[in-house]
Protein backbone atom coordinates (compact mmCIF):
# COMPACT_ATOMS: atom_id res chain seq x y z
CA MET A 1 2.63 90.24 -89.95
CA SER A 2 0.55 87.21 -89.59
CA GLN A 3 0.52 84.12 -92.45
CA LEU A 4 -3.34 84.17 -91.80
CA PHE A 5 -3.51 88.38 -92.37
CA ILE A 6 -1.89 87.80 -95.17
CA ALA A 7 -4.23 84.99 -96.51
CA ILE A 8 -6.87 87.43 -95.37
CA LEU A 9 -5.29 90.27 -97.63
CA LEU A 10 -4.34 88.22 -100.46
CA ALA A 11 -7.70 86.67 -100.99
CA LEU A 12 -9.28 90.08 -100.84
CA LEU A 13 -7.01 91.77 -103.61
CA ALA A 14 -7.85 88.19 -105.26
CA ALA A 15 -11.08 88.85 -105.30
CA VAL A 16 -11.52 92.62 -106.50
CA ILE A 17 -9.17 91.68 -109.05
CA PHE A 18 -11.11 89.10 -110.75
CA THR A 19 -14.28 90.42 -110.04
CA MET A 20 -13.47 93.10 -112.72
CA ILE A 21 -11.36 90.84 -114.84
CA GLY A 22 -14.68 88.36 -115.31
CA LEU A 23 -16.31 91.65 -116.76
CA VAL A 24 -14.05 91.37 -119.80
CA SER A 25 -16.08 89.39 -122.65
CA GLY A 26 -13.32 86.45 -124.36
CA SER A 27 -10.53 86.49 -121.14
CA ASP A 28 -8.89 83.63 -120.99
CA GLU A 29 -8.28 81.64 -117.62
CA THR A 30 -4.72 80.05 -118.08
CA ALA A 31 -3.59 83.12 -119.67
CA ILE A 32 -4.79 85.45 -116.73
CA LEU A 33 -4.17 83.29 -113.77
CA VAL A 34 -1.27 81.34 -114.42
CA PRO A 35 0.48 84.97 -115.10
CA ILE A 36 -0.84 86.47 -111.76
CA THR A 37 -0.42 83.64 -109.21
CA LEU A 38 3.40 83.34 -110.16
CA ILE A 39 3.66 86.89 -109.40
CA VAL A 40 2.27 86.16 -105.80
CA VAL A 41 4.10 83.06 -105.48
CA LEU A 42 7.92 84.59 -106.28
CA LEU A 43 6.84 87.26 -104.86
CA GLY A 44 7.49 85.32 -101.62
CA ALA A 45 3.22 85.00 -100.24
CA PRO A 46 3.35 82.28 -97.59
CA PRO A 47 2.12 78.95 -99.09
CA VAL A 48 -1.49 79.75 -97.67
CA ALA A 49 -1.90 82.96 -98.75
CA VAL A 50 -1.10 82.13 -102.25
CA PHE A 51 -3.69 79.01 -101.94
CA ALA A 52 -6.44 81.36 -100.56
CA PHE A 53 -5.20 83.95 -103.15
CA PHE A 54 -5.73 81.09 -105.96
CA MET A 55 -9.55 80.05 -104.47
CA ALA A 56 -10.54 83.70 -104.53
CA ALA A 57 -9.39 84.04 -108.02
CA VAL A 58 -11.34 81.18 -109.34
CA LEU A 59 -14.30 81.98 -107.75
CA SER A 60 -14.84 85.43 -108.22
CA LYS A 61 -13.79 85.76 -112.17
CA HIS A 62 -16.05 81.92 -112.33
CA LEU A 63 -19.03 84.29 -110.70
CA THR A 64 -18.79 87.55 -112.76
CA HIS A 65 -18.09 85.88 -115.79
CA ALA A 66 -22.10 85.10 -115.70
CA ILE A 67 -22.69 88.79 -116.68
CA PRO A 68 -20.98 89.47 -120.13
CA THR A 69 -22.37 85.46 -121.22
CA THR A 70 -25.63 86.32 -119.93
CA LEU A 71 -26.42 90.35 -120.29
CA MET A 72 -23.72 90.26 -124.03
CA GLY A 73 -24.59 87.51 -125.53
CA VAL A 74 -20.50 86.54 -125.70
CA PRO A 75 -18.77 84.19 -123.44
CA GLY A 76 -17.26 85.58 -120.34
CA ASP A 77 -14.33 82.30 -120.50
CA THR A 78 -13.83 79.12 -121.98
CA THR A 79 -16.00 77.60 -119.66
CA ALA A 80 -19.14 80.14 -119.91
CA ALA A 81 -18.72 79.09 -123.68
CA PRO A 82 -21.24 75.55 -123.18
CA MET A 83 -23.61 78.26 -121.16
CA LEU A 84 -24.87 80.66 -124.05
CA GLU A 85 -26.89 78.60 -126.22
CA HIS A 86 -28.76 78.87 -122.73
CA ALA A 87 -28.41 82.33 -121.72
CA ASP A 88 -29.28 83.27 -125.26
CA PHE A 89 -32.60 81.95 -124.92
CA LEU A 90 -32.77 83.75 -121.63
CA ARG A 91 -31.76 87.14 -123.19
CA ARG A 92 -34.29 87.00 -126.34
CA ILE A 93 -37.13 86.60 -124.40
CA GLY A 94 -36.67 89.63 -122.29
CA MET A 95 -35.15 88.15 -118.82
CA PRO A 96 -30.96 87.91 -119.07
CA HIS A 97 -31.35 88.87 -115.52
CA ILE A 98 -32.78 85.49 -114.36
CA ALA A 99 -30.19 83.55 -116.85
CA LEU A 100 -27.46 85.82 -114.87
CA ARG A 101 -28.93 85.52 -111.05
CA LYS A 102 -29.46 81.42 -111.62
CA MET A 103 -25.94 80.73 -113.05
CA ILE A 104 -24.16 83.02 -110.45
CA SER A 105 -25.97 81.76 -107.66
CA GLY A 106 -25.44 77.65 -108.74
CA GLY A 107 -22.09 79.13 -108.71
CA ILE A 108 -21.92 79.39 -105.30
CA ILE A 109 -23.32 76.62 -103.96
CA GLY A 110 -20.91 74.82 -106.22
CA ALA A 111 -17.83 75.86 -104.33
CA PHE A 112 -19.02 74.91 -101.44
CA ILE A 113 -19.65 71.74 -102.08
CA ALA A 114 -16.61 71.13 -104.16
CA LEU A 115 -13.59 72.18 -101.49
CA PRO A 116 -14.22 69.27 -98.90
CA VAL A 117 -15.74 66.92 -101.05
CA SER A 118 -12.67 67.10 -102.94
CA LEU A 119 -10.25 67.31 -100.50
CA LEU A 120 -11.68 63.86 -98.97
CA PHE A 121 -11.17 62.38 -101.92
CA ALA A 122 -7.84 63.99 -102.62
CA LEU A 123 -6.75 62.05 -98.62
CA PHE A 124 -8.08 58.78 -100.35
CA LEU A 125 -5.91 59.04 -103.46
CA SER A 126 -2.91 59.93 -101.93
CA GLN A 127 -1.80 56.83 -100.25
CA PHE A 128 -1.01 56.44 -104.64
CA GLY A 129 0.94 59.65 -104.34
CA THR A 130 4.61 57.79 -104.51
CA PHE A 131 3.81 55.47 -107.53
CA PHE A 132 2.66 58.95 -109.22
CA GLN A 133 5.45 60.64 -108.46
CA GLU A 134 8.07 57.94 -109.44
CA ASN A 135 6.29 57.61 -112.98
CA ALA A 136 5.58 60.83 -113.86
CA GLY A 137 6.77 60.65 -117.38
CA ILE A 138 5.36 57.92 -118.73
CA ILE A 139 1.73 59.53 -116.86
CA PHE A 140 1.69 62.42 -118.63
CA THR A 141 2.29 60.78 -122.17
CA ILE A 142 -0.53 58.52 -121.50
CA ALA A 143 -2.48 61.95 -120.72
CA ALA A 144 -1.30 63.82 -123.20
CA VAL A 145 -2.38 60.63 -125.95
CA LEU A 146 -5.98 60.58 -123.92
CA ILE A 147 -6.70 64.42 -123.71
CA GLY A 148 -5.23 64.90 -127.28
CA TYR A 149 -8.33 62.23 -128.14
CA PHE A 150 -11.04 64.30 -126.88
CA SER A 151 -10.13 67.11 -127.67
CA LYS A 152 -10.77 69.10 -130.84
CA GLY A 153 -7.89 68.13 -133.14
CA ARG A 154 -8.35 64.56 -132.19
CA TRP A 155 -5.51 62.51 -134.51
CA VAL A 156 -3.63 65.87 -135.02
CA SER A 157 -2.85 66.02 -131.23
CA ILE A 158 -1.66 62.82 -131.13
CA LEU A 159 0.79 62.52 -134.49
CA LEU A 160 2.05 65.73 -133.06
CA ILE A 161 2.88 64.83 -129.70
CA LEU A 162 6.66 63.47 -130.71
CA PRO A 163 7.02 65.98 -132.71
CA ILE A 164 6.05 69.07 -130.35
CA GLY A 165 7.75 66.79 -127.73
CA MET A 166 11.16 67.74 -129.32
CA ILE A 167 10.59 71.15 -130.09
CA PHE A 168 10.31 71.59 -126.25
CA GLN A 169 13.15 69.47 -125.62
CA GLY A 170 15.09 71.18 -128.26
CA LEU A 171 14.67 74.67 -126.95
CA ASP A 172 14.75 73.10 -123.09
CA LEU A 173 18.49 72.33 -124.67
CA ILE A 174 19.55 75.41 -126.70
CA SER A 175 18.66 77.76 -123.25
CA SER A 176 20.09 75.53 -120.59
CA THR A 177 23.11 76.10 -122.49
CA ILE A 178 22.78 79.56 -122.81
CA LEU A 179 21.71 80.10 -119.33
CA ASP A 180 23.25 76.84 -117.38
CA LYS A 181 20.04 76.48 -115.88
CA HIS A 182 16.45 74.48 -117.20
CA LEU A 183 13.78 76.89 -117.70
CA SER A 184 9.93 76.36 -116.51
CA ILE A 185 8.63 79.34 -115.86
CA SER A 186 9.14 80.93 -119.51
CA PHE A 187 7.40 77.20 -120.96
CA PHE A 188 4.19 77.26 -119.70
CA LEU A 189 3.87 80.65 -119.82
CA GLY A 190 4.48 80.82 -123.21
CA ILE A 191 1.87 78.06 -124.06
CA ALA A 192 -0.33 80.01 -121.37
CA ILE A 193 -0.94 82.51 -124.11
CA GLY A 194 -0.56 80.80 -127.31
CA PRO A 195 -4.32 81.48 -128.27
CA MET A 196 -3.83 85.32 -126.96
CA LEU A 197 -0.80 85.89 -129.05
CA SER A 198 -1.97 84.22 -132.10
CA ASP A 199 -4.92 86.49 -132.34
CA LEU A 200 -2.59 89.22 -131.78
CA LEU A 201 -0.35 88.07 -134.70
CA MET A 202 -3.21 87.23 -137.07
CA ALA A 203 -4.10 90.84 -137.08
CA THR A 204 -1.09 92.40 -138.39
CA SER A 205 -0.43 90.02 -140.83
CA ARG A 206 -1.93 91.22 -144.54
CA SER A 207 -2.81 87.12 -145.72
CA SER A 208 -5.13 86.04 -142.15
CA ARG A 209 -6.23 89.93 -141.00
CA ALA A 210 -9.46 89.28 -142.74
CA GLU A 211 -10.28 86.19 -140.14
CA VAL A 212 -10.11 88.45 -136.79
CA GLN A 213 -10.99 91.59 -138.63
CA ARG A 214 -14.29 93.16 -137.86
CA ASP A 215 -15.72 95.82 -139.81
CA HIS A 216 -18.21 97.17 -137.64
CA MET A 217 -18.49 97.61 -133.65
CA ASN A 218 -20.68 95.37 -131.85
CA THR A 219 -24.84 96.27 -130.62
CA TYR A 220 -25.57 94.89 -127.60
CA LYS A 221 -28.98 96.07 -125.81
CA LEU A 222 -28.96 95.31 -122.31
CA ALA A 223 -32.45 95.04 -120.05
CA PRO A 224 -33.35 97.13 -117.17
CA GLU A 225 -31.98 95.73 -113.74
CA LYS A 226 -34.91 94.35 -111.61
CA LYS A 227 -34.03 93.63 -107.83
CA THR A 228 -36.87 91.36 -106.45
CA TRP A 229 -34.61 90.97 -102.92
CA SER A 230 -34.50 93.47 -99.83
CA GLY A 231 -30.38 93.91 -98.57
CA TYR A 232 -27.50 93.52 -100.59
CA PHE A 233 -26.49 90.39 -100.41
CA PRO A 234 -29.08 87.87 -101.64
CA ASN A 235 -29.59 84.13 -100.21
CA PRO A 236 -29.08 82.25 -103.27
CA PHE A 237 -31.31 79.09 -102.44
CA LYS A 238 -34.15 81.36 -102.69
CA VAL A 239 -33.02 82.31 -105.66
CA LEU A 240 -32.52 79.23 -107.13
CA THR A 241 -36.30 76.92 -106.50
CA LYS A 242 -35.63 74.03 -104.34
CA LYS A 243 -35.42 71.30 -107.46
CA GLN A 244 -32.63 73.88 -108.94
CA SER A 245 -30.76 74.03 -105.14
CA ALA A 246 -30.72 70.37 -105.28
CA GLU A 247 -29.42 69.72 -108.90
CA ALA A 248 -26.94 72.22 -108.49
CA ALA A 249 -26.03 70.59 -105.26
CA GLY A 250 -25.78 66.91 -107.06
CA THR A 251 -24.05 67.96 -109.99
CA SER A 252 -21.68 69.38 -108.16
CA LEU A 253 -20.83 66.53 -105.52
CA LEU A 254 -20.70 64.64 -108.79
CA SER A 255 -17.91 66.38 -110.59
CA SER A 256 -15.86 67.30 -107.44
CA PHE A 257 -14.58 63.38 -107.67
CA THR A 258 -13.50 64.37 -111.40
CA PHE A 259 -9.78 65.70 -112.25
CA ALA A 260 -8.85 64.17 -115.35
CA LEU A 261 -11.44 65.76 -116.96
CA SER A 262 -11.80 69.16 -119.15
CA PRO A 263 -14.03 71.30 -117.17
CA VAL A 264 -15.69 72.46 -120.61
CA GLY A 265 -16.66 69.19 -120.73
CA MET A 266 -17.50 68.29 -117.59
CA THR A 267 -20.26 71.66 -117.69
CA SER A 268 -21.45 70.73 -120.95
CA LEU A 269 -22.39 67.17 -119.54
CA MET A 270 -23.94 67.40 -115.90
CA GLY A 271 -25.57 70.46 -118.15
CA GLU A 272 -27.35 68.24 -121.04
CA LEU A 273 -28.30 65.57 -118.05
CA VAL A 274 -29.80 67.64 -116.05
CA GLY A 275 -31.61 70.12 -118.86
CA SER A 276 -32.86 66.48 -120.69
CA ARG A 277 -34.88 65.19 -117.80
CA ILE A 278 -36.86 69.34 -117.23
CA LYS A 279 -39.68 69.46 -120.33
CA GLY A 280 -40.65 73.30 -120.22
CA GLN A 281 -38.27 75.18 -122.04
CA TYR A 282 -38.27 78.09 -119.31
CA LYS A 283 -37.37 75.46 -116.26
CA LYS A 284 -34.81 73.50 -118.50
CA THR A 285 -33.11 76.95 -119.39
CA THR A 286 -32.50 78.88 -115.94
CA SER A 287 -32.06 74.54 -114.58
CA SER A 288 -29.78 73.65 -116.40
CA LEU A 289 -27.47 77.34 -116.34
CA ALA A 290 -27.52 76.96 -112.16
CA THR A 291 -26.05 73.35 -112.90
CA MET A 292 -23.82 74.34 -115.17
CA ASN A 293 -22.27 77.33 -113.62
CA GLY A 294 -22.22 75.24 -110.37
CA VAL A 295 -19.80 72.11 -112.12
CA THR A 296 -17.81 75.22 -113.39
CA GLU A 297 -16.76 75.93 -109.98
CA SER A 298 -16.76 72.41 -108.45
CA THR A 299 -14.59 71.00 -111.31
CA TYR A 300 -11.95 74.01 -110.97
CA ILE A 301 -11.88 73.49 -107.37
CA ALA A 302 -11.51 69.83 -107.40
CA GLU A 303 -9.03 70.72 -110.21
CA THR A 304 -6.79 72.00 -108.38
CA ILE A 305 -7.13 70.25 -105.22
CA ILE A 306 -7.02 66.98 -105.92
CA PRO A 307 -4.06 66.67 -107.60
CA LEU A 308 -1.95 69.04 -104.94
CA VAL A 309 -2.79 66.93 -101.70
CA ALA A 310 -2.64 63.57 -103.69
CA PHE A 311 0.37 63.79 -105.93
CA GLY A 312 2.08 66.79 -105.98
CA ILE A 313 2.28 67.00 -110.05
CA PRO A 314 0.21 68.61 -112.09
CA LEU A 315 -2.84 65.71 -113.40
CA SER A 316 -5.80 67.60 -114.36
CA PRO A 317 -6.64 69.96 -116.64
CA VAL A 318 -6.46 72.93 -114.25
CA ALA A 319 -3.30 72.08 -112.88
CA LEU A 320 -2.09 72.20 -116.29
CA GLY A 321 -3.90 75.14 -116.64
CA PRO A 322 -4.50 78.26 -114.40
CA GLY A 323 -2.85 75.97 -111.50
CA ALA A 324 -0.31 76.10 -113.43
CA ALA A 325 2.36 78.32 -110.73
CA LEU A 326 0.62 76.39 -107.62
CA PHE A 327 2.91 73.21 -108.58
CA ASN A 328 5.76 74.50 -110.45
CA ALA A 329 6.88 78.30 -109.89
CA PRO A 330 11.08 77.96 -109.85
CA PRO A 331 12.77 78.40 -107.53
CA ILE A 332 10.14 77.79 -105.14
CA PHE A 333 7.68 75.72 -106.08
CA THR A 334 8.41 72.90 -107.90
CA SER A 335 7.01 68.95 -109.09
CA GLU A 336 10.69 67.15 -109.73
CA PRO A 337 11.51 67.07 -106.90
CA VAL A 338 7.90 67.53 -105.77
CA HIS A 339 8.31 70.74 -103.40
CA ASN A 340 5.34 72.84 -103.44
CA LEU A 341 2.05 73.09 -101.68
CA HIS A 342 1.52 69.52 -101.40
CA ASN A 343 4.88 68.73 -99.10
CA LEU A 344 4.22 72.88 -97.18
CA LEU A 345 0.26 72.83 -96.54
CA SER A 346 -1.06 70.28 -94.45
CA PRO A 347 -4.91 68.81 -95.31
CA MET A 348 -6.34 71.32 -92.58
CA ASP A 349 -4.33 74.80 -94.09
CA PHE A 350 -6.16 72.95 -97.63
CA LEU A 351 -9.52 73.66 -96.03
CA LEU A 352 -8.85 76.44 -93.96
CA TYR A 353 -7.46 78.85 -96.13
CA GLY A 354 -9.43 77.70 -98.83
CA PHE A 355 -12.78 78.45 -97.67
CA ILE A 356 -11.09 81.63 -96.80
CA GLY A 357 -10.11 82.50 -99.97
CA ILE A 358 -13.72 81.11 -101.20
CA VAL A 359 -15.99 82.95 -98.89
CA ILE A 360 -13.91 86.13 -99.81
CA ALA A 361 -14.88 85.57 -103.02
CA ALA A 362 -18.78 85.07 -102.17
CA VAL A 363 -18.63 88.30 -99.94
CA ILE A 364 -17.23 90.40 -103.10
CA ALA A 365 -17.83 88.85 -106.11
CA TYR A 366 -21.85 87.70 -105.47
CA PRO A 367 -23.28 90.57 -104.02
CA PHE A 368 -21.75 92.81 -106.46
CA SER A 369 -22.52 90.49 -109.40
CA MET A 370 -26.39 90.63 -108.43
CA ASN A 371 -26.87 94.12 -107.61
CA TYR A 372 -24.70 95.41 -110.35
CA ALA A 373 -24.33 93.39 -113.45
CA ARG A 374 -25.93 95.97 -115.56
CA LYS A 375 -23.74 98.94 -114.24
CA ALA A 376 -20.33 97.19 -114.45
CA THR A 377 -20.99 95.87 -117.70
CA VAL A 378 -22.38 99.46 -119.38
CA LEU A 379 -18.90 100.92 -117.82
CA VAL A 380 -16.81 98.57 -119.05
CA MET A 381 -17.89 98.42 -122.97
CA LYS A 382 -18.07 102.04 -122.66
CA TYR A 383 -14.21 102.46 -121.08
CA ILE A 384 -12.56 99.50 -120.99
CA ASN A 385 -10.58 98.04 -124.05
CA GLN A 386 -9.68 93.98 -124.46
CA GLU A 387 -6.51 94.41 -126.80
CA ALA A 388 -5.79 96.87 -123.92
CA ILE A 389 -6.79 94.18 -121.60
CA ILE A 390 -4.75 91.43 -123.68
CA GLY A 391 -1.55 93.94 -123.93
CA MET A 392 -1.27 94.52 -120.03
CA PHE A 393 -1.10 90.41 -119.65
CA ILE A 394 1.14 89.61 -122.18
CA GLY A 395 3.45 92.39 -120.37
CA VAL A 396 3.32 90.92 -117.29
CA VAL A 397 4.30 87.14 -119.00
CA VAL A 398 7.27 89.61 -120.66
CA LEU A 399 8.17 91.18 -117.33
CA LEU A 400 8.22 86.70 -115.99
CA SER A 401 9.89 85.03 -118.49
CA PHE A 402 12.55 87.93 -118.85
CA TYR A 403 13.08 87.13 -114.49
CA GLU A 404 13.20 84.00 -115.08
CA GLY A 405 15.85 83.43 -118.23
CA SER A 406 16.32 87.49 -119.64
CA LEU A 407 16.07 87.68 -123.13
CA ALA A 408 16.82 83.79 -123.55
CA GLY A 409 14.03 82.94 -121.56
CA THR A 410 11.27 85.76 -123.26
CA LEU A 411 11.94 83.80 -126.51
CA VAL A 412 11.61 80.52 -125.47
CA THR A 413 8.08 82.40 -124.13
CA PHE A 414 7.00 83.63 -127.74
CA SER A 415 8.80 80.47 -129.77
CA ILE A 416 6.27 78.48 -127.58
CA ALA A 417 3.77 80.91 -127.59
CA ILE A 418 4.08 81.08 -131.52
CA LEU A 419 3.73 77.52 -132.26
CA GLY A 420 0.95 76.58 -129.35
CA GLY A 421 -1.18 79.42 -130.41
CA MET A 422 -1.10 78.43 -134.17
CA LEU A 423 -1.35 74.48 -133.51
CA ASN A 424 -4.24 75.36 -131.03
CA ARG A 425 -6.04 77.77 -133.58
CA PHE A 426 -5.73 76.43 -136.86
CA LEU A 427 -5.04 72.38 -136.11
CA GLY A 428 -7.11 72.12 -132.72
CA VAL A 429 -4.28 71.11 -130.46
CA GLY A 430 -5.35 72.22 -127.53
CA VAL A 431 -3.60 74.12 -124.79
CA GLY A 432 -4.03 70.65 -122.33
CA VAL A 433 -2.51 69.00 -124.41
CA GLN A 434 0.45 71.19 -124.68
CA PHE A 435 1.28 71.17 -121.22
CA MET A 436 0.67 67.26 -120.95
CA ILE A 437 3.42 67.22 -123.63
CA TYR A 438 5.54 69.16 -122.19
CA TYR A 439 5.39 67.77 -118.68
CA GLY A 440 5.75 64.16 -120.86
CA SER A 441 8.72 65.14 -122.96
CA GLY A 442 12.00 64.58 -121.53
CA TRP A 443 10.98 60.83 -120.52
CA MET A 444 9.67 60.80 -124.03
CA ILE A 445 12.38 61.66 -125.88
CA THR A 446 15.08 59.46 -122.93
CA ALA A 447 12.93 56.87 -124.21
CA LEU A 448 13.68 57.07 -128.18
CA PHE A 449 16.76 57.80 -127.72
CA GLY A 450 17.84 56.41 -124.53
CA LEU A 451 19.81 60.14 -123.96
């Protein structure tokens, strides 16, 4: 079976799976993308097919995350949170379908701009790749400080860098002594599911259960669908005005050059930049939504491609979170030494198979969201239990951590998840900071104690 055929099949699979997952409100990208991508890698899929799978997954997820955000008033995932205020305005005046169409049309434009632009920028940065690889430890440490400063926790995130690094290295020492090898998958799976696990643990605790307990069911009023186009596949450039298309394209172009900034931060920044220049609440809201979802796609794609192509080490929030398995999936992919998609794919491979992934995702997720958003939302609200979805992903994490390190690997994963989840929830030490600390902890402890 040819690599091209496998890539197309896996991209189709990713588009279908993540189109459905995007309908579930509050689903975290890292906790979902990391374990499923890991499974694809560990099953032996060709590297080009892994990349096509990931690109299709990202675009599909971020198109359908617009459905719960606009129709239900709850963020589809972390990156949808900045769009909630604008989506709520259109929902209150009875036009959630307009919000939905503007969002996903902007997302389509952003994805197709980001892939070639970020690849060209990555090729320029690749001349500095050796320097970044040789100084990865100190770069990760500096990045942990910077990301910590701009996180919710700010100073506490910075103060806890060394203590958390000590804990990571201590668990690594214990597990490597037991298993005669170092764990990797178990650590970043633990960081990925931390926020999700912390909510489940709080629900089991008498003292903290009240914070997550709900006494009544939420009620939602869904507006009827109003189709304003003929055929199955609408034209995104006709859904958006010419000005909105230009705004989505321009901000997506700018954000395609970024790889060290938070996707959520870039989404908010570009949305405010566009919205502040527009008079009239309706025009401001619709233009901001189109822009913001376009930036969501462009930042995710750029923050995956630029570190992969230029450096081979995860030097972006997306690479450290949802895209972690593209860099580290031992024994198949590693970042120390660098042996991952950076070495295994050529620039043309990234371009060709990236386009395969986003084209397939666009063909499946875009018309589905435009034509069946309301019906799909009703189906999910009636028959899909969010806790069951969370439980399924935690089960996948247990499977993967046990695969890597047996019982020790599973215990490491849940130890890290408990620590990281509580730090994230109560002190604002974000997942991105924790990933940076993990990757830089070896250098930190060695430099501090001379080990």
